[in-house]
């Protein structure tokens, strides 16, 4: 998805920001930069085995 996002961002002349949510994932941010993201927002969450859309929605509110 990063590569497709990169294509779209380039066509629009915009920056591409990736959001990485998970537990112990900060080390993966550079990988997203390598694949084409200009910026990466990392949201570390210890609750890695529970999917609750309200938790993720809250993470995106803080990233604005």
PDB file of N, CA and C in Angstrom:
ATOM      1  N   UNK A   1       0.809  -1.184   0.000  1.00  0.00           N
ATOM      2  CA  UNK A   1       0.000   0.000   0.000  1.00  0.00           C
ATOM      3  C   UNK A   1       0.862   1.262   0.000  1.00  0.00           C
ATOM      4  N   UNK A   2       2.043   1.181   0.574  1.00  0.00           N
ATOM      5  CA  UNK A   2       2.914   2.364   0.613  1.00  0.00           C
ATOM      6  C   UNK A   2       3.297   2.778  -0.803  1.00  0.00           C
ATOM      7  N   UNK A   3       3.627   1.811  -1.625  1.00  0.00           N
ATOM      8  CA  UNK A   3       4.050   2.152  -2.996  1.00  0.00           C
ATOM      9  C   UNK A   3       2.916   2.815  -3.783  1.00  0.00           C
ATOM     10  N   UNK A   4       1.704   2.309  -3.635  1.00  0.00           N
ATOM     11  CA  UNK A   4       0.559   2.923  -4.322  1.00  0.00           C
ATOM     12  C   UNK A   4       0.302   4.320  -3.759  1.00  0.00           C
ATOM     13  N   UNK A   5       0.413   4.460  -2.456  1.00  0.00           N
ATOM     14  CA  UNK A   5       0.279   5.766  -1.834  1.00  0.00           C
ATOM     15  C   UNK A   5       1.326   6.736  -2.335  1.00  0.00           C
ATOM     16  N   UNK A   6       2.550   6.238  -2.542  1.00  0.00           N
ATOM     17  CA  UNK A   6       3.647   7.059  -3.065  1.00  0.00           C
ATOM     18  C   UNK A   6       3.307   7.555  -4.460  1.00  0.00           C
ATOM     19  N   UNK A   7       2.750   6.657  -5.296  1.00  0.00           N
ATOM     20  CA  UNK A   7       2.358   7.036  -6.658  1.00  0.00           C
ATOM     21  C   UNK A   7       1.330   8.158  -6.634  1.00  0.00           C
ATOM     22  N   UNK A   8       0.328   8.003  -5.787  1.00  0.00           N
ATOM     23  CA  UNK A   8      -0.732   9.012  -5.699  1.00  0.00           C
ATOM     24  C   UNK A   8      -0.181  10.331  -5.162  1.00  0.00           C
ATOM     25  N   UNK A   9       0.623  10.264  -4.116  1.00  0.00           N
ATOM     26  CA  UNK A   9       1.212  11.477  -3.538  1.00  0.00           C
ATOM     27  C   UNK A   9       2.063  12.217  -4.565  1.00  0.00           C
ATOM     28  N   UNK A  10       2.836  11.469  -5.337  1.00  0.00           N
ATOM     29  CA  UNK A  10       3.669  12.096  -6.365  1.00  0.00           C
ATOM     30  C   UNK A  10       2.812  12.789  -7.424  1.00  0.00           C
ATOM     31  N   UNK A  11       1.738  12.141  -7.848  1.00  0.00           N
ATOM     32  CA  UNK A  11       0.854  12.740  -8.854  1.00  0.00           C
ATOM     33  C   UNK A  11       0.223  14.030  -8.350  1.00  0.00           C
ATOM     34  N   UNK A  12      -0.071  14.063  -7.044  1.00  0.00           N
ATOM     35  CA  UNK A  12      -0.707  15.233  -6.442  1.00  0.00           C
ATOM     36  C   UNK A  12       0.304  16.265  -5.935  1.00  0.00           C
ATOM     37  N   UNK A  13       1.578  15.912  -5.962  1.00  0.00           N
ATOM     38  CA  UNK A  13       2.606  16.810  -5.439  1.00  0.00           C
ATOM     39  C   UNK A  13       2.544  16.961  -3.926  1.00  0.00           C
ATOM     40  N   UNK A  14       2.174  15.889  -3.252  1.00  0.00           N
ATOM     41  CA  UNK A  14       1.998  15.910  -1.796  1.00  0.00           C
ATOM     42  C   UNK A  14       3.000  14.990  -1.112  1.00  0.00           C
ATOM     43  N   UNK A  15       3.123  15.148   0.185  1.00  0.00           N
ATOM     44  CA  UNK A  15       3.939  14.256   1.016  1.00  0.00           C
ATOM     45  C   UNK A  15       3.099  13.033   1.387  1.00  0.00           C
ATOM     46  N   UNK A  16       3.782  11.925   1.627  1.00  0.00           N
ATOM     47  CA  UNK A  16       3.106  10.692   2.031  1.00  0.00           C
ATOM     48  C   UNK A  16       3.464  10.388   3.479  1.00  0.00           C
ATOM     49  N   UNK A  17       2.447  10.312   4.328  1.00  0.00           N
ATOM     50  CA  UNK A  17       2.646   9.981   5.737  1.00  0.00           C
ATOM     51  C   UNK A  17       2.025   8.623   6.007  1.00  0.00           C
ATOM     52  N   UNK A  18       2.811   7.741   6.609  1.00  0.00           N
ATOM     53  CA  UNK A  18       2.322   6.417   7.002  1.00  0.00           C
ATOM     54  C   UNK A  18       2.053   6.432   8.497  1.00  0.00           C
ATOM     55  N   UNK A  19       1.074   5.667   8.923  1.00  0.00           N
ATOM     56  CA  UNK A  19       0.768   5.513  10.341  1.00  0.00           C
ATOM     57  C   UNK A  19       1.014   4.055  10.699  1.00  0.00           C
ATOM     58  N   UNK A  20       1.890   3.844  11.669  1.00  0.00           N
ATOM     59  CA  UNK A  20       2.272   2.504  12.098  1.00  0.00           C
ATOM     60  C   UNK A  20       1.768   2.302  13.518  1.00  0.00           C
ATOM     61  N   UNK A  21       0.805   1.396  13.676  1.00  0.00           N
ATOM     62  CA  UNK A  21       0.193   1.156  14.981  1.00  0.00           C
ATOM     63  C   UNK A  21       0.491  -0.268  15.400  1.00  0.00           C
ATOM     64  N   UNK A  22       0.966  -0.439  16.619  1.00  0.00           N
ATOM     65  CA  UNK A  22       1.224  -1.782  17.117  1.00  0.00           C
ATOM     66  C   UNK A  22       2.083  -1.762  18.353  1.00  0.00           C
ATOM     67  N   UNK A  23       2.566  -2.913  18.722  1.00  0.00           N
ATOM     68  CA  UNK A  23       3.407  -3.065  19.905  1.00  0.00           C
ATOM     69  C   UNK A  23       4.838  -3.353  19.469  1.00  0.00           C
ATOM     70  N   UNK A  24       5.765  -2.556  19.961  1.00  0.00           N
ATOM     71  CA  UNK A  24       7.185  -2.735  19.663  1.00  0.00           C
ATOM     72  C   UNK A  24       7.446  -2.632  18.158  1.00  0.00           C
ATOM     73  N   UNK A  25       6.870  -1.594  17.519  1.00  0.00           N
ATOM     74  CA  UNK A  25       6.961  -1.446  16.073  1.00  0.00           C
ATOM     75  C   UNK A  25       7.815  -0.264  15.621  1.00  0.00           C
ATOM     76  N   UNK A  26       8.328   0.508  16.570  1.00  0.00           N
ATOM     77  CA  UNK A  26       9.081   1.705  16.201  1.00  0.00           C
ATOM     78  C   UNK A  26      10.237   1.388  15.247  1.00  0.00           C
ATOM     79  N   UNK A  27      10.841   0.226  15.413  1.00  0.00           N
ATOM     80  CA  UNK A  27      11.961  -0.150  14.554  1.00  0.00           C
ATOM     81  C   UNK A  27      11.549  -0.392  13.102  1.00  0.00           C
ATOM     82  N   UNK A  28      10.265  -0.483  12.833  1.00  0.00           N
ATOM     83  CA  UNK A  28       9.764  -0.698  11.466  1.00  0.00           C
ATOM     84  C   UNK A  28       9.555   0.610  10.701  1.00  0.00           C
ATOM     85  N   UNK A  29       9.656   1.737  11.375  1.00  0.00           N
ATOM     86  CA  UNK A  29       9.411   3.026  10.730  1.00  0.00           C
ATOM     87  C   UNK A  29      10.376   3.268   9.576  1.00  0.00           C
ATOM     88  N   UNK A  30      11.641   2.961   9.754  1.00  0.00           N
ATOM     89  CA  UNK A  30      12.629   3.151   8.687  1.00  0.00           C
ATOM     90  C   UNK A  30      12.299   2.315   7.456  1.00  0.00           C
ATOM     91  N   UNK A  31      11.723   1.156   7.675  1.00  0.00           N
ATOM     92  CA  UNK A  31      11.325   0.299   6.560  1.00  0.00           C
ATOM     93  C   UNK A  31      10.249   0.985   5.706  1.00  0.00           C
ATOM     94  N   UNK A  32       9.309   1.665   6.372  1.00  0.00           N
ATOM     95  CA  UNK A  32       8.271   2.383   5.636  1.00  0.00           C
ATOM     96  C   UNK A  32       8.847   3.558   4.863  1.00  0.00           C
ATOM     97  N   UNK A  33       9.851   4.211   5.427  1.00  0.00           N
ATOM     98  CA  UNK A  33      10.556   5.285   4.714  1.00  0.00           C
ATOM     99  C   UNK A  33      11.233   4.694   3.467  1.00  0.00           C
ATOM    100  N   UNK A  34      11.860   3.551   3.639  1.00  0.00           N
ATOM    101  CA  UNK A  34      12.531   2.863   2.518  1.00  0.00           C
ATOM    102  C   UNK A  34      11.548   2.555   1.383  1.00  0.00           C
ATOM    103  N   UNK A  35      10.317   2.198   1.736  1.00  0.00           N
ATOM    104  CA  UNK A  35       9.311   1.862   0.726  1.00  0.00           C
ATOM    105  C   UNK A  35       8.609   3.075   0.141  1.00  0.00           C
ATOM    106  N   UNK A  36       8.914   4.281   0.651  1.00  0.00           N
ATOM    107  CA  UNK A  36       8.379   5.468  -0.004  1.00  0.00           C
ATOM    108  C   UNK A  36       7.684   6.502   0.854  1.00  0.00           C
ATOM    109  N   UNK A  37       7.476   6.225   2.130  1.00  0.00           N
ATOM    110  CA  UNK A  37       6.822   7.222   2.986  1.00  0.00           C
ATOM    111  C   UNK A  37       7.789   8.374   3.256  1.00  0.00           C
ATOM    112  N   UNK A  38       7.254   9.592   3.294  1.00  0.00           N
ATOM    113  CA  UNK A  38       8.067  10.748   3.661  1.00  0.00           C
ATOM    114  C   UNK A  38       8.165  10.884   5.175  1.00  0.00           C
ATOM    115  N   UNK A  39       7.087  10.548   5.834  1.00  0.00           N
ATOM    116  CA  UNK A  39       7.003  10.635   7.296  1.00  0.00           C
ATOM    117  C   UNK A  39       6.289   9.392   7.812  1.00  0.00           C
ATOM    118  N   UNK A  40       6.612   9.018   9.044  1.00  0.00           N
ATOM    119  CA  UNK A  40       5.922   7.898   9.681  1.00  0.00           C
ATOM    120  C   UNK A  40       5.505   8.332  11.079  1.00  0.00           C
ATOM    121  N   UNK A  41       4.229   8.184  11.371  1.00  0.00           N
ATOM    122  CA  UNK A  41       3.717   8.412  12.720  1.00  0.00           C
ATOM    123  C   UNK A  41       3.625   7.044  13.381  1.00  0.00           C
ATOM    124  N   UNK A  42       4.327   6.887  14.499  1.00  0.00           N
ATOM    125  CA  UNK A  42       4.346   5.606  15.203  1.00  0.00           C
ATOM    126  C   UNK A  42       3.473   5.721  16.449  1.00  0.00           C
ATOM    127  N   UNK A  43       2.537   4.797  16.573  1.00  0.00           N
ATOM    128  CA  UNK A  43       1.677   4.725  17.745  1.00  0.00           C
ATOM    129  C   UNK A  43       1.936   3.385  18.409  1.00  0.00           C
ATOM    130  N   UNK A  44       2.677   3.418  19.519  1.00  0.00           N
ATOM    131  CA  UNK A  44       2.990   2.195  20.258  1.00  0.00           C
ATOM    132  C   UNK A  44       1.829   1.866  21.188  1.00  0.00           C
ATOM    133  N   UNK A  45       1.331   0.648  21.082  1.00  0.00           N
ATOM    134  CA  UNK A  45       0.215   0.210  21.921  1.00  0.00           C
ATOM    135  C   UNK A  45       0.516  -1.184  22.440  1.00  0.00           C
ATOM    136  N   UNK A  46       0.523  -1.341  23.743  1.00  0.00           N
ATOM    137  CA  UNK A  46       0.783  -2.658  24.323  1.00  0.00           C
ATOM    138  C   UNK A  46      -0.371  -3.625  24.133  1.00  0.00           C
ATOM    139  N   UNK A  47      -1.547  -3.103  23.831  1.00  0.00           N
ATOM    140  CA  UNK A  47      -2.711  -3.971  23.614  1.00  0.00           C
ATOM    141  C   UNK A  47      -2.640  -4.481  22.178  1.00  0.00           C
ATOM    142  N   UNK A  48      -1.836  -5.484  21.963  1.00  0.00           N
ATOM    143  CA  UNK A  48      -1.596  -5.951  20.599  1.00  0.00           C
ATOM    144  C   UNK A  48      -2.484  -7.116  20.185  1.00  0.00           C
ATOM    145  N   UNK A  49      -3.101  -7.760  21.130  1.00  0.00           N
ATOM    146  CA  UNK A  49      -3.911  -8.931  20.795  1.00  0.00           C
ATOM    147  C   UNK A  49      -5.412  -8.638  20.764  1.00  0.00           C
ATOM    148  N   UNK A  50      -5.777  -7.367  20.986  1.00  0.00           N
ATOM    149  CA  UNK A  50      -7.191  -6.994  20.972  1.00  0.00           C
ATOM    150  C   UNK A  50      -7.407  -5.965  19.873  1.00  0.00           C
ATOM    151  N   UNK A  51      -8.346  -6.234  18.992  1.00  0.00           N
ATOM    152  CA  UNK A  51      -8.675  -5.239  17.980  1.00  0.00           C
ATOM    153  C   UNK A  51      -9.932  -4.512  18.433  1.00  0.00           C
ATOM    154  N   UNK A  52      -9.792  -3.222  18.615  1.00  0.00           N
ATOM    155  CA  UNK A  52     -10.924  -2.383  18.996  1.00  0.00           C
ATOM    156  C   UNK A  52     -10.795  -1.096  18.195  1.00  0.00           C
ATOM    157  N   UNK A  53     -11.707  -0.886  17.258  1.00  0.00           N
ATOM    158  CA  UNK A  53     -11.585   0.259  16.359  1.00  0.00           C
ATOM    159  C   UNK A  53     -11.577   1.589  17.091  1.00  0.00           C
ATOM    160  N   UNK A  54     -12.171   1.665  18.275  1.00  0.00           N
ATOM    161  CA  UNK A  54     -12.165   2.939  19.006  1.00  0.00           C
ATOM    162  C   UNK A  54     -10.771   3.289  19.494  1.00  0.00           C
ATOM    163  N   UNK A  55      -9.963   2.292  19.822  1.00  0.00           N
ATOM    164  CA  UNK A  55      -8.577   2.549  20.238  1.00  0.00           C
ATOM    165  C   UNK A  55      -7.797   3.131  19.072  1.00  0.00           C
ATOM    166  N   UNK A  56      -7.918   2.529  17.904  1.00  0.00           N
ATOM    167  CA  UNK A  56      -7.199   3.007  16.732  1.00  0.00           C
ATOM    168  C   UNK A  56      -7.711   4.366  16.291  1.00  0.00           C
ATOM    169  N   UNK A  57      -8.999   4.572  16.381  1.00  0.00           N
ATOM    170  CA  UNK A  57      -9.586   5.863  16.018  1.00  0.00           C
ATOM    171  C   UNK A  57      -9.014   6.966  16.909  1.00  0.00           C
ATOM    172  N   UNK A  58      -8.854   6.676  18.193  1.00  0.00           N
ATOM    173  CA  UNK A  58      -8.260   7.629  19.124  1.00  0.00           C
ATOM    174  C   UNK A  58      -6.818   7.947  18.777  1.00  0.00           C
ATOM    175  N   UNK A  59      -6.091   6.964  18.310  1.00  0.00           N
ATOM    176  CA  UNK A  59      -4.699   7.184  17.913  1.00  0.00           C
ATOM    177  C   UNK A  59      -4.619   8.164  16.743  1.00  0.00           C
ATOM    178  N   UNK A  60      -5.546   8.077  15.813  1.00  0.00           N
ATOM    179  CA  UNK A  60      -5.527   8.965  14.670  1.00  0.00           C
ATOM    180  C   UNK A  60      -5.907  10.381  15.046  1.00  0.00           C
ATOM    181  N   UNK A  61      -6.739  10.565  16.043  1.00  0.00           N
ATOM    182  CA  UNK A  61      -7.100  11.900  16.494  1.00  0.00           C
ATOM    183  C   UNK A  61      -5.877  12.655  16.995  1.00  0.00           C
ATOM    184  N   UNK A  62      -4.965  11.964  17.689  1.00  0.00           N
ATOM    185  CA  UNK A  62      -3.775  12.602  18.221  1.00  0.00           C
ATOM    186  C   UNK A  62      -2.750  12.907  17.144  1.00  0.00           C
ATOM    187  N   UNK A  63      -2.839  12.253  16.002  1.00  0.00           N
ATOM    188  CA  UNK A  63      -1.828  12.418  14.965  1.00  0.00           C
ATOM    189  C   UNK A  63      -2.091  13.607  14.045  1.00  0.00           C
ATOM    190  N   UNK A  64      -3.207  14.294  14.205  1.00  0.00           N
ATOM    191  CA  UNK A  64      -3.537  15.422  13.310  1.00  0.00           C
ATOM    192  C   UNK A  64      -2.640  16.613  13.564  1.00  0.00           C
TER     193      UNK A  64
END
